[in-house]
Amino acid sequence: MKWLEDGQKFAVIGLDLAQEDDCQVHCFGSELLALGPEEFEMDELWRQWIGSIRTEDIQEFGLLLVAKKSSETPKVMDAENQELLSIVGNWMMGLTLARSYWTYRSGYQATGSKVNGQLDVRTFGEIASPARAIVVDDQPITTNQLKTAASIGENLGKFVRAWKNEDCRLRRCLAIYQSARNSNDILDRIHQFVRCVEGLILPEQGQTKQRFKGKTELFIGPKHHSLMDKLYTVRSAVEHMNDHTLLGAADRESRLEIAKLESSIEYIARTALSRIILSPQLAEYFSDIETLEKFWALDLGDRKELWGEVVNPSDAFAYFDFDRVTNNDLGL
C-alpha cells in the first residue's frame, strides 16, 4: 500500500463507480488521492469485522476517495480523523455537484492509520449515495471531474470552517440539493430541486411563479419560460399533496416528459451551485438573505457579468438514449 506511509492517518469513501482509468492512483494535492480497488488492501481482521459479503462488494467498488495526513498519534482516533472524514466528505459532495451519477450499492466510509506497515481501520460505516434517476450518466468518472470535485470540496471546507449564522441560505440550498439527489421519488426530486433554485433567486411572496421564470433567466437565458412554468407546476402539486394530478396520464410520453423535467432542473440546480461554490465573490453574495437582496438589486448588466455564461437545460439529456428506458422504469 504505497500511497499511505507509516504514521499517516487516512479517511476513505468507497463508491460503486467506474473510473476512466481503472486501477490508477490520481493525486490531487498532497492529501487527496483517487484510487482503484486494487490499491486498497484489506487484512484478514478487517475482512472478518466487515463480513465476507460486504467485503466482496467493497472489493468491486471502482472509485475510492482518500484523504491522508501525517500524525504524531497514529494509533489514536481523534479530531484528526474527523477532519479527514470531513475533507473526503466534501470531496464526495464536490463530485455530486460536478457530475450526475448514481450507485447501485451503498457507499462506505472508513478511517484509520498505517502503523508498523499494517492498515489499522478504526471506524467503518455505510453512507447514503445518490438515487437512480431515469436520465442517468453511466459513463466512467473522469480525472477532470475528480479535479473539479476536489476544487469544489476544498471551497466547501473553507465554508464549513467559517460557517456563521448569516451563511444559512447557501448551506440550506446545498442541503436541499443533496436530499433531492438521495430521494427515490422522482416527483419529490423535482420538488426539491425547484426549492433549491428558489432559494438562490429569492422570489417575492405572491409573485413566486413569475419571479421564478424571470429571475432564472440569469442561469439559463430567456427562452425557457415554458419549461420553468412546467417545473413550478410540479413543485406546487407536490407541495400541496396533489401528486396524483401529475401521474394521471399513465402513458409513456407523459412519463418521459417528467423524466426530462427532472433532468433539466437537476442540471440547473447543480451547475448554479457549482458556479457559486467555485467563485468566492458569488459565494459571498449567495450566502444569506441580506447579501442575496444586494445581488438581485444590482443592475442586470452587472449581475450577468458576475454570473457568466448561461447553461442550456436540454444539455442535461442531449446525449441520452430514451429508448433505453423501459416501461417498468416509468412505472407503467
C-alpha atoms as a PDB file:
ATOM      1  CA  MET A   1       0.000   0.000   0.000  1.00  0.00           C
ATOM      2  CA  LYS A   2       2.482   2.566  -1.306  1.00  0.00           C
ATOM      3  CA  TRP A   3       0.075   5.503  -1.213  1.00  0.00           C
ATOM      4  CA  LEU A   4      -0.003   5.502   2.615  1.00  0.00           C
ATOM      5  CA  GLU A   5       3.142   5.832   4.728  1.00  0.00           C
ATOM      6  CA  ASP A   6       3.742   4.618   8.255  1.00  0.00           C
ATOM      7  CA  GLY A   7       2.459   7.167  10.769  1.00  0.00           C
ATOM      8  CA  GLN A   8      -0.165   8.588   8.450  1.00  0.00           C
ATOM      9  CA  LYS A   9      -3.888   8.691   9.124  1.00  0.00           C
ATOM     10  CA  PHE A  10      -6.488   8.340   6.410  1.00  0.00           C
ATOM     11  CA  ALA A  11     -10.192   8.588   5.645  1.00  0.00           C
ATOM     12  CA  VAL A  12     -11.725   6.874   2.643  1.00  0.00           C
ATOM     13  CA  ILE A  13     -15.075   6.921   0.874  1.00  0.00           C
ATOM     14  CA  GLY A  14     -15.711   3.995  -1.446  1.00  0.00           C
ATOM     15  CA  LEU A  15     -18.217   4.342  -4.282  1.00  0.00           C
ATOM     16  CA  ASP A  16     -19.619   1.771  -6.685  1.00  0.00           C
ATOM     17  CA  LEU A  17     -18.450   3.780  -9.699  1.00  0.00           C
ATOM     18  CA  ALA A  18     -16.051   3.145 -12.554  1.00  0.00           C
ATOM     19  CA  GLN A  19     -13.097   5.399 -13.231  1.00  0.00           C
ATOM     20  CA  GLU A  20     -11.966   6.411 -16.695  1.00  0.00           C
ATOM     21  CA  ASP A  21      -8.558   4.869 -15.915  1.00  0.00           C
ATOM     22  CA  ASP A  22      -9.070   1.659 -13.975  1.00  0.00           C
ATOM     23  CA  CYS A  23      -6.817   0.928 -11.009  1.00  0.00           C
ATOM     24  CA  GLN A  24      -4.826   4.142 -11.301  1.00  0.00           C
ATOM     25  CA  VAL A  25      -3.708   6.436  -8.493  1.00  0.00           C
ATOM     26  CA  HIS A  26      -4.613  10.084  -9.092  1.00  0.00           C
ATOM     27  CA  CYS A  27      -3.151  12.695  -6.747  1.00  0.00           C
ATOM     28  CA  PHE A  28      -4.917  15.988  -6.075  1.00  0.00           C
ATOM     29  CA  GLY A  29      -2.509  17.952  -3.936  1.00  0.00           C
ATOM     30  CA  SER A  30      -0.589  16.287  -1.120  1.00  0.00           C
ATOM     31  CA  GLU A  31      -3.568  14.982   0.851  1.00  0.00           C
ATOM     32  CA  LEU A  32      -6.133  13.733  -1.700  1.00  0.00           C
ATOM     33  CA  LEU A  33      -5.965  10.539  -3.723  1.00  0.00           C
ATOM     34  CA  ALA A  34      -8.406   8.776  -6.024  1.00  0.00           C
ATOM     35  CA  LEU A  35      -7.704   5.040  -6.060  1.00  0.00           C
ATOM     36  CA  GLY A  36      -8.900   1.982  -7.870  1.00  0.00           C
ATOM     37  CA  PRO A  37      -9.947  -1.138  -5.925  1.00  0.00           C
ATOM     38  CA  GLU A  38      -6.599  -2.886  -6.369  1.00  0.00           C
ATOM     39  CA  GLU A  39      -4.847  -0.132  -4.438  1.00  0.00           C
ATOM     40  CA  PHE A  40      -6.827  -0.645  -1.235  1.00  0.00           C
ATOM     41  CA  GLU A  41      -5.837  -3.823   0.566  1.00  0.00           C
ATOM     42  CA  MET A  42      -7.804  -5.240   3.498  1.00  0.00           C
ATOM     43  CA  ASP A  43      -6.234  -7.501   6.068  1.00  0.00           C
ATOM     44  CA  GLU A  44      -7.975 -10.576   7.453  1.00  0.00           C
ATOM     45  CA  LEU A  45      -9.096  -8.874  10.657  1.00  0.00           C
ATOM     46  CA  TRP A  46     -10.865  -6.130   8.708  1.00  0.00           C
ATOM     47  CA  ARG A  47     -12.494  -8.707   6.420  1.00  0.00           C
ATOM     48  CA  GLN A  48     -13.869 -10.573   9.433  1.00  0.00           C
ATOM     49  CA  TRP A  49     -15.114  -7.363  11.006  1.00  0.00           C
ATOM     50  CA  ILE A  50     -16.987  -6.183   7.916  1.00  0.00           C
ATOM     51  CA  GLY A  51     -18.246  -9.609   6.829  1.00  0.00           C
ATOM     52  CA  SER A  52     -17.481 -11.676   3.743  1.00  0.00           C
ATOM     53  CA  ILE A  53     -20.436 -10.489   1.635  1.00  0.00           C
ATOM     54  CA  ARG A  54     -19.789  -6.792   2.258  1.00  0.00           C
ATOM     55  CA  THR A  55     -16.055  -7.340   1.707  1.00  0.00           C
ATOM     56  CA  GLU A  56     -16.742  -8.797  -1.735  1.00  0.00           C
ATOM     57  CA  ASP A  57     -18.916  -5.783  -2.567  1.00  0.00           C
ATOM     58  CA  ILE A  58     -16.246  -3.330  -1.448  1.00  0.00           C
ATOM     59  CA  GLN A  59     -13.555  -5.041  -3.478  1.00  0.00           C
ATOM     60  CA  GLU A  60     -15.627  -4.411  -6.601  1.00  0.00           C
ATOM     61  CA  PHE A  61     -16.028  -0.661  -5.948  1.00  0.00           C
ATOM     62  CA  GLY A  62     -14.158   1.198  -8.671  1.00  0.00           C
ATOM     63  CA  LEU A  63     -13.614   4.577  -7.015  1.00  0.00           C
ATOM     64  CA  LEU A  64     -12.032   5.266  -3.643  1.00  0.00           C
ATOM     65  CA  LEU A  65     -11.677   8.865  -2.466  1.00  0.00           C
ATOM     66  CA  VAL A  66      -8.904   9.170   0.113  1.00  0.00           C
ATOM     67  CA  ALA A  67      -7.669  11.979   2.353  1.00  0.00           C
ATOM     68  CA  LYS A  68      -4.489  11.440   4.367  1.00  0.00           C
ATOM     69  CA  LYS A  69      -2.046  13.270   6.626  1.00  0.00           C
ATOM     70  CA  SER A  70       0.918  12.540   8.872  1.00  0.00           C
ATOM     71  CA  SER A  71       0.172  12.277  12.579  1.00  0.00           C
ATOM     72  CA  GLU A  72       2.114  12.186  15.809  1.00  0.00           C
ATOM     73  CA  THR A  73      -0.598   9.939  17.295  1.00  0.00           C
ATOM     74  CA  PRO A  74      -1.492   7.479  14.510  1.00  0.00           C
ATOM     75  CA  LYS A  75      -2.904   4.909  16.951  1.00  0.00           C
ATOM     76  CA  VAL A  76      -5.356   7.379  18.467  1.00  0.00           C
ATOM     77  CA  MET A  77      -8.796   8.048  16.978  1.00  0.00           C
ATOM     78  CA  ASP A  78      -9.235  11.800  17.462  1.00  0.00           C
ATOM     79  CA  ALA A  79     -10.054  15.133  15.814  1.00  0.00           C
ATOM     80  CA  GLU A  80      -7.526  14.452  13.060  1.00  0.00           C
ATOM     81  CA  ASN A  81      -9.602  11.506  11.865  1.00  0.00           C
ATOM     82  CA  GLN A  82     -12.765  13.616  11.989  1.00  0.00           C
ATOM     83  CA  GLU A  83     -11.057  16.313   9.957  1.00  0.00           C
ATOM     84  CA  LEU A  84     -10.025  13.776   7.307  1.00  0.00           C
ATOM     85  CA  LEU A  85     -13.580  12.400   7.171  1.00  0.00           C
ATOM     86  CA  SER A  86     -14.833  15.946   6.652  1.00  0.00           C
ATOM     87  CA  ILE A  87     -12.307  16.574   3.866  1.00  0.00           C
ATOM     88  CA  VAL A  88     -13.161  13.401   1.975  1.00  0.00           C
ATOM     89  CA  GLY A  89     -16.891  14.009   2.574  1.00  0.00           C
ATOM     90  CA  ASN A  90     -16.566  17.445   0.997  1.00  0.00           C
ATOM     91  CA  TRP A  91     -14.796  15.850  -1.959  1.00  0.00           C
ATOM     92  CA  MET A  92     -17.713  13.456  -2.421  1.00  0.00           C
ATOM     93  CA  MET A  93     -20.141  16.375  -2.236  1.00  0.00           C
ATOM     94  CA  GLY A  94     -17.984  18.115  -4.825  1.00  0.00           C
ATOM     95  CA  LEU A  95     -18.293  15.082  -7.092  1.00  0.00           C
ATOM     96  CA  THR A  96     -22.069  15.162  -6.642  1.00  0.00           C
ATOM     97  CA  LEU A  97     -22.019  18.797  -7.823  1.00  0.00           C
ATOM     98  CA  ALA A  98     -19.542  18.127 -10.637  1.00  0.00           C
ATOM     99  CA  ARG A  99     -21.380  15.201 -12.154  1.00  0.00           C
ATOM    100  CA  SER A 100     -24.769  13.499 -12.137  1.00  0.00           C
ATOM    101  CA  TYR A 101     -24.232   9.879 -11.086  1.00  0.00           C
ATOM    102  CA  TRP A 102     -25.849   7.121  -9.081  1.00  0.00           C
ATOM    103  CA  THR A 103     -24.634   3.912  -7.449  1.00  0.00           C
ATOM    104  CA  TYR A 104     -26.347   0.555  -7.282  1.00  0.00           C
ATOM    105  CA  ARG A 105     -24.831  -0.269  -3.898  1.00  0.00           C
ATOM    106  CA  SER A 106     -24.453   1.993  -0.870  1.00  0.00           C
ATOM    107  CA  GLY A 107     -21.068   3.582  -0.449  1.00  0.00           C
ATOM    108  CA  TYR A 108     -18.949   3.327   2.669  1.00  0.00           C
ATOM    109  CA  GLN A 109     -16.589   5.472   4.677  1.00  0.00           C
ATOM    110  CA  ALA A 110     -13.756   4.397   6.932  1.00  0.00           C
ATOM    111  CA  THR A 111     -10.910   5.999   8.826  1.00  0.00           C
ATOM    112  CA  GLY A 112      -7.765   4.771  10.495  1.00  0.00           C
ATOM    113  CA  SER A 113      -3.998   4.804  10.056  1.00  0.00           C
ATOM    114  CA  LYS A 114      -0.964   2.821   8.977  1.00  0.00           C
ATOM    115  CA  VAL A 115       1.130   1.531  11.856  1.00  0.00           C
ATOM    116  CA  ASN A 116       4.127  -0.814  11.506  1.00  0.00           C
ATOM    117  CA  GLY A 117       3.238  -1.462   7.910  1.00  0.00           C
ATOM    118  CA  GLN A 118      -0.329  -2.524   8.699  1.00  0.00           C
ATOM    119  CA  LEU A 119      -3.585  -0.763   7.893  1.00  0.00           C
ATOM    120  CA  ASP A 120      -5.445  -0.096  11.149  1.00  0.00           C
ATOM    121  CA  VAL A 121      -9.125   0.664  10.452  1.00  0.00           C
ATOM    122  CA  ARG A 122     -10.827   2.280  13.423  1.00  0.00           C
ATOM    123  CA  THR A 123     -14.321   3.052  12.086  1.00  0.00           C
ATOM    124  CA  PHE A 124     -16.380   1.772   9.178  1.00  0.00           C
ATOM    125  CA  GLY A 125     -19.935   2.521   8.075  1.00  0.00           C
ATOM    126  CA  GLU A 126     -22.265   2.801   5.110  1.00  0.00           C
ATOM    127  CA  ILE A 127     -23.192   6.176   3.618  1.00  0.00           C
ATOM    128  CA  ALA A 128     -26.129   7.341   1.532  1.00  0.00           C
ATOM    129  CA  SER A 129     -25.461   7.545  -2.185  1.00  0.00           C
ATOM    130  CA  PRO A 130     -27.402   9.365  -4.923  1.00  0.00           C
ATOM    131  CA  ALA A 131     -30.522   7.544  -6.051  1.00  0.00           C
ATOM    132  CA  ARG A 132     -31.042   6.400  -9.619  1.00  0.00           C
ATOM    133  CA  ALA A 133     -32.818   8.831 -11.915  1.00  0.00           C
ATOM    134  CA  ILE A 134     -34.445   7.971 -15.248  1.00  0.00           C
ATOM    135  CA  VAL A 135     -31.933  10.093 -17.158  1.00  0.00           C
ATOM    136  CA  VAL A 136     -28.587   8.894 -15.912  1.00  0.00           C
ATOM    137  CA  ASP A 137     -24.987   9.405 -16.959  1.00  0.00           C
ATOM    138  CA  ASP A 138     -23.394   5.986 -16.580  1.00  0.00           C
ATOM    139  CA  GLN A 139     -20.062   6.882 -18.159  1.00  0.00           C
ATOM    140  CA  PRO A 140     -16.920   6.368 -16.037  1.00  0.00           C
ATOM    141  CA  ILE A 141     -15.816   9.184 -13.763  1.00  0.00           C
ATOM    142  CA  THR A 142     -13.079  11.219 -15.459  1.00  0.00           C
ATOM    143  CA  THR A 143      -9.938  12.700 -13.978  1.00  0.00           C
ATOM    144  CA  ASN A 144     -11.160  16.204 -14.844  1.00  0.00           C
ATOM    145  CA  GLN A 145     -14.404  15.579 -12.953  1.00  0.00           C
ATOM    146  CA  LEU A 146     -12.443  14.404  -9.926  1.00  0.00           C
ATOM    147  CA  LYS A 147     -10.262  17.512 -10.171  1.00  0.00           C
ATOM    148  CA  THR A 148     -13.305  19.801 -10.344  1.00  0.00           C
ATOM    149  CA  ALA A 149     -14.853  17.903  -7.436  1.00  0.00           C
ATOM    150  CA  ALA A 150     -11.676  18.388  -5.387  1.00  0.00           C
ATOM    151  CA  SER A 151     -11.784  22.154  -6.035  1.00  0.00           C
ATOM    152  CA  ILE A 152     -15.445  22.333  -5.007  1.00  0.00           C
ATOM    153  CA  GLY A 153     -14.699  20.232  -1.930  1.00  0.00           C
ATOM    154  CA  GLU A 154     -11.802  22.475  -0.933  1.00  0.00           C
ATOM    155  CA  ASN A 155     -14.047  25.543  -1.096  1.00  0.00           C
ATOM    156  CA  LEU A 156     -16.780  23.743   0.830  1.00  0.00           C
ATOM    157  CA  GLY A 157     -14.198  23.073   3.520  1.00  0.00           C
ATOM    158  CA  LYS A 158     -13.485  26.777   3.784  1.00  0.00           C
ATOM    159  CA  PHE A 159     -17.178  27.472   4.245  1.00  0.00           C
ATOM    160  CA  VAL A 160     -17.552  24.780   6.854  1.00  0.00           C
ATOM    161  CA  ARG A 161     -14.680  26.126   8.909  1.00  0.00           C
ATOM    162  CA  ALA A 162     -16.074  29.654   8.705  1.00  0.00           C
ATOM    163  CA  TRP A 163     -19.820  28.996   8.951  1.00  0.00           C
ATOM    164  CA  LYS A 164     -21.772  31.798  10.547  1.00  0.00           C
ATOM    165  CA  ASN A 165     -25.494  32.165  11.121  1.00  0.00           C
ATOM    166  CA  GLU A 166     -25.581  34.518   8.129  1.00  0.00           C
ATOM    167  CA  ASP A 167     -24.402  31.697   5.825  1.00  0.00           C
ATOM    168  CA  CYS A 168     -27.547  29.644   6.355  1.00  0.00           C
ATOM    169  CA  ARG A 169     -29.136  30.375   2.946  1.00  0.00           C
ATOM    170  CA  LEU A 170     -26.410  28.784   0.836  1.00  0.00           C
ATOM    171  CA  ARG A 171     -25.969  25.961   3.330  1.00  0.00           C
ATOM    172  CA  ARG A 172     -29.712  25.277   3.193  1.00  0.00           C
ATOM    173  CA  CYS A 173     -29.737  25.200  -0.617  1.00  0.00           C
ATOM    174  CA  LEU A 174     -26.863  22.700  -0.607  1.00  0.00           C
ATOM    175  CA  ALA A 175     -28.701  20.508   1.906  1.00  0.00           C
ATOM    176  CA  ILE A 176     -31.898  20.572  -0.159  1.00  0.00           C
ATOM    177  CA  TYR A 177     -29.975  19.620  -3.305  1.00  0.00           C
ATOM    178  CA  GLN A 178     -28.237  16.747  -1.537  1.00  0.00           C
ATOM    179  CA  SER A 179     -31.531  15.497  -0.105  1.00  0.00           C
ATOM    180  CA  ALA A 180     -33.088  15.578  -3.560  1.00  0.00           C
ATOM    181  CA  ARG A 181     -30.236  13.554  -5.076  1.00  0.00           C
ATOM    182  CA  ASN A 182     -30.761  10.870  -2.428  1.00  0.00           C
ATOM    183  CA  SER A 183     -34.547  10.650  -2.827  1.00  0.00           C
ATOM    184  CA  ASN A 184     -36.070   7.659  -4.637  1.00  0.00           C
ATOM    185  CA  ASP A 185     -39.222   9.594  -5.621  1.00  0.00           C
ATOM    186  CA  ILE A 186     -38.891  11.435  -8.943  1.00  0.00           C
ATOM    187  CA  LEU A 187     -41.632  13.959  -8.162  1.00  0.00           C
ATOM    188  CA  ASP A 188     -40.090  14.696  -4.783  1.00  0.00           C
ATOM    189  CA  ARG A 189     -36.733  15.223  -6.509  1.00  0.00           C
ATOM    190  CA  ILE A 190     -38.260  17.767  -8.899  1.00  0.00           C
ATOM    191  CA  HIS A 191     -39.969  19.489  -5.983  1.00  0.00           C
ATOM    192  CA  GLN A 192     -36.727  19.723  -4.007  1.00  0.00           C
ATOM    193  CA  PHE A 193     -34.578  20.836  -6.952  1.00  0.00           C
ATOM    194  CA  VAL A 194     -37.054  23.645  -7.674  1.00  0.00           C
ATOM    195  CA  ARG A 195     -36.934  24.662  -3.996  1.00  0.00           C
ATOM    196  CA  CYS A 196     -33.149  24.681  -4.195  1.00  0.00           C
ATOM    197  CA  VAL A 197     -33.220  27.083  -7.153  1.00  0.00           C
ATOM    198  CA  GLU A 198     -35.888  29.174  -5.411  1.00  0.00           C
ATOM    199  CA  GLY A 199     -33.501  29.566  -2.523  1.00  0.00           C
ATOM    200  CA  LEU A 200     -30.981  31.147  -4.866  1.00  0.00           C
ATOM    201  CA  ILE A 201     -33.297  33.657  -6.544  1.00  0.00           C
ATOM    202  CA  LEU A 202     -35.208  34.983  -3.527  1.00  0.00           C
ATOM    203  CA  PRO A 203     -38.663  35.301  -5.179  1.00  0.00           C
ATOM    204  CA  GLU A 204     -41.099  37.743  -3.612  1.00  0.00           C
ATOM    205  CA  GLN A 205     -44.185  36.290  -1.948  1.00  0.00           C
ATOM    206  CA  GLY A 206     -47.276  36.421  -4.111  1.00  0.00           C
ATOM    207  CA  GLN A 207     -45.249  36.565  -7.321  1.00  0.00           C
ATOM    208  CA  THR A 208     -43.250  33.398  -6.856  1.00  0.00           C
ATOM    209  CA  LYS A 209     -44.025  31.647 -10.149  1.00  0.00           C
ATOM    210  CA  GLN A 210     -43.461  34.733 -12.306  1.00  0.00           C
ATOM    211  CA  ARG A 211     -40.268  35.627 -10.462  1.00  0.00           C
ATOM    212  CA  PHE A 212     -39.115  32.027 -10.768  1.00  0.00           C
ATOM    213  CA  LYS A 213     -39.413  32.228 -14.551  1.00  0.00           C
ATOM    214  CA  GLY A 214     -37.950  35.729 -14.738  1.00  0.00           C
ATOM    215  CA  LYS A 215     -35.001  35.507 -12.370  1.00  0.00           C
ATOM    216  CA  THR A 216     -33.793  32.118 -13.623  1.00  0.00           C
ATOM    217  CA  GLU A 217     -33.077  33.803 -16.963  1.00  0.00           C
ATOM    218  CA  LEU A 218     -29.745  34.664 -15.350  1.00  0.00           C
ATOM    219  CA  PHE A 219     -28.936  30.941 -15.170  1.00  0.00           C
ATOM    220  CA  ILE A 220     -30.485  29.631 -18.411  1.00  0.00           C
ATOM    221  CA  GLY A 221     -31.375  32.597 -20.609  1.00  0.00           C
ATOM    222  CA  PRO A 222     -34.781  33.997 -21.620  1.00  0.00           C
ATOM    223  CA  LYS A 223     -36.037  31.166 -23.869  1.00  0.00           C
ATOM    224  CA  HIS A 224     -37.154  28.646 -21.261  1.00  0.00           C
ATOM    225  CA  HIS A 225     -40.213  30.176 -19.600  1.00  0.00           C
ATOM    226  CA  SER A 226     -42.405  27.249 -20.682  1.00  0.00           C
ATOM    227  CA  LEU A 227     -40.006  24.777 -19.061  1.00  0.00           C
ATOM    228  CA  MET A 228     -39.827  26.747 -15.826  1.00  0.00           C
ATOM    229  CA  ASP A 229     -43.623  27.086 -15.774  1.00  0.00           C
ATOM    230  CA  LYS A 230     -43.976  23.287 -16.004  1.00  0.00           C
ATOM    231  CA  LEU A 231     -41.385  22.775 -13.288  1.00  0.00           C
ATOM    232  CA  TYR A 232     -43.115  25.166 -10.940  1.00  0.00           C
ATOM    233  CA  THR A 233     -46.446  23.449 -11.611  1.00  0.00           C
ATOM    234  CA  VAL A 234     -44.894  20.147 -10.476  1.00  0.00           C
ATOM    235  CA  ARG A 235     -43.386  21.842  -7.440  1.00  0.00           C
ATOM    236  CA  SER A 236     -46.771  23.254  -6.415  1.00  0.00           C
ATOM    237  CA  ALA A 237     -48.612  19.975  -6.976  1.00  0.00           C
ATOM    238  CA  VAL A 238     -46.164  18.025  -4.812  1.00  0.00           C
ATOM    239  CA  GLU A 239     -46.098  20.770  -2.166  1.00  0.00           C
ATOM    240  CA  HIS A 240     -49.889  20.607  -1.821  1.00  0.00           C
ATOM    241  CA  MET A 241     -50.177  16.795  -1.977  1.00  0.00           C
ATOM    242  CA  ASN A 242     -51.651  16.799  -5.462  1.00  0.00           C
ATOM    243  CA  ASP A 243     -49.125  14.360  -6.940  1.00  0.00           C
ATOM    244  CA  HIS A 244     -51.981  12.336  -8.445  1.00  0.00           C
ATOM    245  CA  THR A 245     -52.700  15.130 -10.912  1.00  0.00           C
ATOM    246  CA  LEU A 246     -49.254  14.595 -12.420  1.00  0.00           C
ATOM    247  CA  LEU A 247     -49.451  10.812 -12.686  1.00  0.00           C
ATOM    248  CA  GLY A 248     -52.985  10.521 -14.014  1.00  0.00           C
ATOM    249  CA  ALA A 249     -51.899  10.233 -17.645  1.00  0.00           C
ATOM    250  CA  ALA A 250     -50.212   6.844 -17.407  1.00  0.00           C
ATOM    251  CA  ASP A 251     -48.635   6.788 -20.848  1.00  0.00           C
ATOM    252  CA  ARG A 252     -45.015   6.577 -21.914  1.00  0.00           C
ATOM    253  CA  GLU A 253     -44.671  10.060 -23.397  1.00  0.00           C
ATOM    254  CA  SER A 254     -46.056  11.879 -20.350  1.00  0.00           C
ATOM    255  CA  ARG A 255     -43.778   9.896 -18.028  1.00  0.00           C
ATOM    256  CA  LEU A 256     -40.752  10.608 -20.231  1.00  0.00           C
ATOM    257  CA  GLU A 257     -41.684  14.288 -20.063  1.00  0.00           C
ATOM    258  CA  ILE A 258     -41.480  14.114 -16.262  1.00  0.00           C
ATOM    259  CA  ALA A 259     -38.064  12.456 -16.577  1.00  0.00           C
ATOM    260  CA  LYS A 260     -36.863  15.296 -18.810  1.00  0.00           C
ATOM    261  CA  LEU A 261     -38.202  17.858 -16.362  1.00  0.00           C
ATOM    262  CA  GLU A 262     -36.278  16.244 -13.527  1.00  0.00           C
ATOM    263  CA  SER A 263     -33.066  16.044 -15.545  1.00  0.00           C
ATOM    264  CA  SER A 264     -33.369  19.705 -16.552  1.00  0.00           C
ATOM    265  CA  ILE A 265     -33.965  21.133 -13.074  1.00  0.00           C
ATOM    266  CA  GLU A 266     -31.263  18.942 -11.509  1.00  0.00           C
ATOM    267  CA  TYR A 267     -28.811  20.281 -14.084  1.00  0.00           C
ATOM    268  CA  ILE A 268     -29.863  23.884 -13.443  1.00  0.00           C
ATOM    269  CA  ALA A 269     -29.517  23.482  -9.668  1.00  0.00           C
ATOM    270  CA  ARG A 270     -26.225  21.596  -9.867  1.00  0.00           C
ATOM    271  CA  THR A 271     -24.492  23.947 -12.288  1.00  0.00           C
ATOM    272  CA  ALA A 272     -25.683  27.005 -10.355  1.00  0.00           C
ATOM    273  CA  LEU A 273     -24.439  25.657  -7.018  1.00  0.00           C
ATOM    274  CA  SER A 274     -21.120  24.573  -8.523  1.00  0.00           C
ATOM    275  CA  ARG A 275     -20.554  28.004 -10.010  1.00  0.00           C
ATOM    276  CA  ILE A 276     -21.380  29.713  -6.727  1.00  0.00           C
ATOM    277  CA  ILE A 277     -19.105  27.474  -4.648  1.00  0.00           C
ATOM    278  CA  LEU A 278     -16.193  27.857  -7.078  1.00  0.00           C
ATOM    279  CA  SER A 279     -16.462  31.672  -7.094  1.00  0.00           C
ATOM    280  CA  PRO A 280     -15.653  33.397  -3.781  1.00  0.00           C
ATOM    281  CA  GLN A 281     -17.421  36.550  -4.990  1.00  0.00           C
ATOM    282  CA  LEU A 282     -20.626  34.726  -5.908  1.00  0.00           C
ATOM    283  CA  ALA A 283     -20.473  32.642  -2.740  1.00  0.00           C
ATOM    284  CA  GLU A 284     -20.369  35.846  -0.700  1.00  0.00           C
ATOM    285  CA  TYR A 285     -23.430  37.216  -2.479  1.00  0.00           C
ATOM    286  CA  PHE A 286     -25.420  33.975  -2.192  1.00  0.00           C
ATOM    287  CA  SER A 287     -24.568  33.276   1.447  1.00  0.00           C
ATOM    288  CA  ASP A 288     -27.611  34.811   3.169  1.00  0.00           C
ATOM    289  CA  ILE A 289     -30.783  36.822   2.689  1.00  0.00           C
ATOM    290  CA  GLU A 290     -29.144  40.230   3.075  1.00  0.00           C
ATOM    291  CA  THR A 291     -26.395  39.583   0.536  1.00  0.00           C
ATOM    292  CA  LEU A 292     -28.857  37.891  -1.855  1.00  0.00           C
ATOM    293  CA  GLU A 293     -31.006  41.017  -1.801  1.00  0.00           C
ATOM    294  CA  LYS A 294     -27.937  43.086  -2.694  1.00  0.00           C
ATOM    295  CA  PHE A 295     -27.111  40.741  -5.583  1.00  0.00           C
ATOM    296  CA  TRP A 296     -30.594  40.845  -7.096  1.00  0.00           C
ATOM    297  CA  ALA A 297     -30.680  44.630  -6.633  1.00  0.00           C
ATOM    298  CA  LEU A 298     -27.649  45.024  -8.915  1.00  0.00           C
ATOM    299  CA  ASP A 299     -28.144  46.285 -12.444  1.00  0.00           C
ATOM    300  CA  LEU A 300     -28.918  43.466 -14.876  1.00  0.00           C
ATOM    301  CA  GLY A 301     -25.665  44.012 -16.732  1.00  0.00           C
ATOM    302  CA  ASP A 302     -23.644  43.777 -13.519  1.00  0.00           C
ATOM    303  CA  ARG A 303     -25.449  40.581 -12.498  1.00  0.00           C
ATOM    304  CA  LYS A 304     -24.773  38.980 -15.877  1.00  0.00           C
ATOM    305  CA  GLU A 305     -21.114  39.958 -15.747  1.00  0.00           C
ATOM    306  CA  LEU A 306     -20.735  38.463 -12.283  1.00  0.00           C
ATOM    307  CA  TRP A 307     -22.632  35.290 -13.161  1.00  0.00           C
ATOM    308  CA  GLY A 308     -21.136  34.479 -16.552  1.00  0.00           C
ATOM    309  CA  GLU A 309     -22.473  32.324 -19.383  1.00  0.00           C
ATOM    310  CA  VAL A 310     -25.915  30.731 -19.210  1.00  0.00           C
ATOM    311  CA  VAL A 311     -26.417  26.972 -19.483  1.00  0.00           C
ATOM    312  CA  ASN A 312     -28.884  25.146 -21.712  1.00  0.00           C
ATOM    313  CA  PRO A 313     -31.206  22.905 -19.627  1.00  0.00           C
ATOM    314  CA  SER A 314     -31.621  20.437 -22.500  1.00  0.00           C
ATOM    315  CA  ASP A 315     -27.899  19.693 -22.381  1.00  0.00           C
ATOM    316  CA  ALA A 316     -28.749  17.521 -19.386  1.00  0.00           C
ATOM    317  CA  PHE A 317     -30.243  14.849 -21.644  1.00  0.00           C
ATOM    318  CA  ALA A 318     -28.891  15.822 -25.076  1.00  0.00           C
ATOM    319  CA  TYR A 319     -26.935  12.576 -25.471  1.00  0.00           C
ATOM    320  CA  PHE A 320     -29.263  10.297 -23.544  1.00  0.00           C
ATOM    321  CA  ASP A 321     -30.969   7.467 -25.439  1.00  0.00           C
ATOM    322  CA  PHE A 322     -34.552   7.389 -24.185  1.00  0.00           C
ATOM    323  CA  ASP A 323     -35.121   4.090 -25.977  1.00  0.00           C
ATOM    324  CA  ARG A 324     -33.105   2.563 -23.135  1.00  0.00           C
ATOM    325  CA  VAL A 325     -35.859   3.476 -20.668  1.00  0.00           C
ATOM    326  CA  THR A 326     -38.240   0.604 -20.036  1.00  0.00           C
ATOM    327  CA  ASN A 327     -41.904   0.973 -19.193  1.00  0.00           C
ATOM    328  CA  ASN A 328     -41.097  -0.595 -15.849  1.00  0.00           C
ATOM    329  CA  ASP A 329     -38.650   2.270 -15.207  1.00  0.00           C
ATOM    330  CA  LEU A 330     -41.546   4.647 -15.827  1.00  0.00           C
ATOM    331  CA  GLY A 331     -43.958   2.828 -13.527  1.00  0.00           C
ATOM    332  CA  LEU A 332     -46.101   1.584 -16.426  1.00  0.00           C
END
